[in-house]
Amino acid sequence: MIRLRGHLRCLTQAEAEAVRRHRDEHIRLTRAEPACLSFEIADTDDPLTFEVMETFRDRPGFEAHQARTRESAWFAATRHILRDFRVEEIGD
């Protein structure tokens, strides 16, 4: 399994609104991917910071997700937002 955990760190309210505006569709599309085991983008106590938690069955599934994301409306709207993530391989 591949797990990604981290944060989106918005610098402005406009960036945070872009996350909120596109989040539900991004979550829906990602959860529909065959290798996705779990996917969440959650609010935190800081209205400009979001917690991201992803788990994918394997590295090829995770990489397919990353490729799809780079071509999405989500990425177009949020690509400039600071990301602080850690990716780790779990198990075998």
C-alpha atoms as a PDB file:
ATOM      1  CA  MET A   1       0.000   0.000   0.000  1.00  0.00           C
ATOM      2  CA  ILE A   2       0.970   3.595  -0.528  1.00  0.00           C
ATOM      3  CA  ARG A   3      -0.075   6.222   1.977  1.00  0.00           C
ATOM      4  CA  LEU A   4       0.167   9.983   1.586  1.00  0.00           C
ATOM      5  CA  ARG A   5      -0.388  12.251   4.563  1.00  0.00           C
ATOM      6  CA  GLY A   6       0.099  15.965   4.825  1.00  0.00           C
ATOM      7  CA  HIS A   7      -1.382  19.403   4.414  1.00  0.00           C
ATOM      8  CA  LEU A   8      -2.459  21.982   1.902  1.00  0.00           C
ATOM      9  CA  ARG A   9      -1.351  25.343   3.339  1.00  0.00           C
ATOM     10  CA  CYS A  10      -3.219  28.256   1.789  1.00  0.00           C
ATOM     11  CA  LEU A  11      -1.760  31.730   2.043  1.00  0.00           C
ATOM     12  CA  THR A  12      -5.011  33.559   1.345  1.00  0.00           C
ATOM     13  CA  GLN A  13      -8.732  33.137   1.830  1.00  0.00           C
ATOM     14  CA  ALA A  14      -9.068  32.978  -1.981  1.00  0.00           C
ATOM     15  CA  GLU A  15      -6.812  29.894  -2.061  1.00  0.00           C
ATOM     16  CA  ALA A  16      -8.865  28.260   0.707  1.00  0.00           C
ATOM     17  CA  GLU A  17     -12.057  28.984  -1.229  1.00  0.00           C
ATOM     18  CA  ALA A  18     -10.551  27.315  -4.321  1.00  0.00           C
ATOM     19  CA  VAL A  19      -9.909  24.189  -2.223  1.00  0.00           C
ATOM     20  CA  ARG A  20     -13.464  24.216  -0.861  1.00  0.00           C
ATOM     21  CA  ARG A  21     -14.986  24.836  -4.290  1.00  0.00           C
ATOM     22  CA  HIS A  22     -13.196  21.887  -5.969  1.00  0.00           C
ATOM     23  CA  ARG A  23     -12.738  19.490  -3.034  1.00  0.00           C
ATOM     24  CA  ASP A  24     -15.969  17.455  -3.253  1.00  0.00           C
ATOM     25  CA  GLU A  25     -15.551  16.630  -6.940  1.00  0.00           C
ATOM     26  CA  HIS A  26     -11.862  15.795  -6.480  1.00  0.00           C
ATOM     27  CA  ILE A  27     -12.720  13.452  -3.606  1.00  0.00           C
ATOM     28  CA  ARG A  28     -15.531  11.821  -5.629  1.00  0.00           C
ATOM     29  CA  LEU A  29     -13.307  11.221  -8.665  1.00  0.00           C
ATOM     30  CA  THR A  30     -10.422   9.914  -6.575  1.00  0.00           C
ATOM     31  CA  ARG A  31     -12.549   7.505  -4.536  1.00  0.00           C
ATOM     32  CA  ALA A  32     -13.835   6.072  -7.848  1.00  0.00           C
ATOM     33  CA  GLU A  33     -10.295   5.130  -8.930  1.00  0.00           C
ATOM     34  CA  PRO A  34      -9.786   1.329  -8.781  1.00  0.00           C
ATOM     35  CA  ALA A  35      -6.666   1.506  -6.580  1.00  0.00           C
ATOM     36  CA  CYS A  36      -8.031   4.049  -4.085  1.00  0.00           C
ATOM     37  CA  LEU A  37      -8.606   2.546  -0.632  1.00  0.00           C
ATOM     38  CA  SER A  38      -9.307   5.837   1.151  1.00  0.00           C
ATOM     39  CA  PHE A  39      -9.097   9.537   0.371  1.00  0.00           C
ATOM     40  CA  GLU A  40      -9.911  12.590   2.495  1.00  0.00           C
ATOM     41  CA  ILE A  41      -9.267  16.324   2.444  1.00  0.00           C
ATOM     42  CA  ALA A  42     -10.405  17.609   5.831  1.00  0.00           C
ATOM     43  CA  ASP A  43     -10.755  21.010   7.427  1.00  0.00           C
ATOM     44  CA  THR A  44      -8.479  21.764  10.378  1.00  0.00           C
ATOM     45  CA  ASP A  45      -8.674  24.324  13.192  1.00  0.00           C
ATOM     46  CA  ASP A  46      -6.859  26.720  10.859  1.00  0.00           C
ATOM     47  CA  PRO A  47      -9.251  27.862   8.076  1.00  0.00           C
ATOM     48  CA  LEU A  48      -6.294  28.160   5.676  1.00  0.00           C
ATOM     49  CA  THR A  49      -4.971  24.622   6.265  1.00  0.00           C
ATOM     50  CA  PHE A  50      -6.446  21.309   5.106  1.00  0.00           C
ATOM     51  CA  GLU A  51      -5.331  17.815   6.137  1.00  0.00           C
ATOM     52  CA  VAL A  52      -4.877  15.342   3.265  1.00  0.00           C
ATOM     53  CA  MET A  53      -4.955  11.575   3.823  1.00  0.00           C
ATOM     54  CA  GLU A  54      -4.739   9.109   0.932  1.00  0.00           C
ATOM     55  CA  THR A  55      -4.251   5.343   0.731  1.00  0.00           C
ATOM     56  CA  PHE A  56      -3.816   3.438  -2.521  1.00  0.00           C
ATOM     57  CA  ARG A  57      -3.527  -0.295  -3.103  1.00  0.00           C
ATOM     58  CA  ASP A  58      -0.126  -0.063  -4.825  1.00  0.00           C
ATOM     59  CA  ARG A  59       2.407   2.299  -6.361  1.00  0.00           C
ATOM     60  CA  PRO A  60       1.057   1.999  -9.947  1.00  0.00           C
ATOM     61  CA  GLY A  61      -2.404   2.966  -8.652  1.00  0.00           C
ATOM     62  CA  PHE A  62      -0.962   5.911  -6.738  1.00  0.00           C
ATOM     63  CA  GLU A  63       1.001   7.050  -9.794  1.00  0.00           C
ATOM     64  CA  ALA A  64      -2.121   6.748 -11.993  1.00  0.00           C
ATOM     65  CA  HIS A  65      -3.928   8.954  -9.458  1.00  0.00           C
ATOM     66  CA  GLN A  66      -1.140  11.530  -9.578  1.00  0.00           C
ATOM     67  CA  ALA A  67      -1.240  11.574 -13.391  1.00  0.00           C
ATOM     68  CA  ARG A  68      -5.032  11.980 -13.465  1.00  0.00           C
ATOM     69  CA  THR A  69      -4.870  14.726 -10.865  1.00  0.00           C
ATOM     70  CA  ARG A  70      -2.351  16.767 -12.875  1.00  0.00           C
ATOM     71  CA  GLU A  71      -4.919  16.947 -15.703  1.00  0.00           C
ATOM     72  CA  SER A  72      -7.878  17.862 -13.471  1.00  0.00           C
ATOM     73  CA  ALA A  73      -9.831  21.005 -12.623  1.00  0.00           C
ATOM     74  CA  TRP A  74      -8.660  20.441  -9.023  1.00  0.00           C
ATOM     75  CA  PHE A  75      -5.016  20.791  -9.986  1.00  0.00           C
ATOM     76  CA  ALA A  76      -5.665  23.779 -12.245  1.00  0.00           C
ATOM     77  CA  ALA A  77      -7.341  25.572  -9.333  1.00  0.00           C
ATOM     78  CA  THR A  78      -4.927  24.528  -6.556  1.00  0.00           C
ATOM     79  CA  ARG A  79      -1.506  23.922  -8.147  1.00  0.00           C
ATOM     80  CA  HIS A  80      -0.035  27.101  -6.621  1.00  0.00           C
ATOM     81  CA  ILE A  81      -1.068  26.178  -3.040  1.00  0.00           C
ATOM     82  CA  LEU A  82       1.755  25.037  -0.751  1.00  0.00           C
ATOM     83  CA  ARG A  83       1.804  21.282  -0.174  1.00  0.00           C
ATOM     84  CA  ASP A  84       3.520  19.546   2.715  1.00  0.00           C
ATOM     85  CA  PHE A  85       3.192  15.777   2.180  1.00  0.00           C
ATOM     86  CA  ARG A  86       4.907  12.561   3.154  1.00  0.00           C
ATOM     87  CA  VAL A  87       4.464   9.431   1.016  1.00  0.00           C
ATOM     88  CA  GLU A  88       5.266   6.027   2.490  1.00  0.00           C
ATOM     89  CA  GLU A  89       5.024   2.441   1.407  1.00  0.00           C
ATOM     90  CA  ILE A  90       3.175   0.218   3.897  1.00  0.00           C
ATOM     91  CA  GLY A  91       3.427  -3.571   4.083  1.00  0.00           C
ATOM     92  CA  ASP A  92       5.115  -5.977   1.699  1.00  0.00           C
END
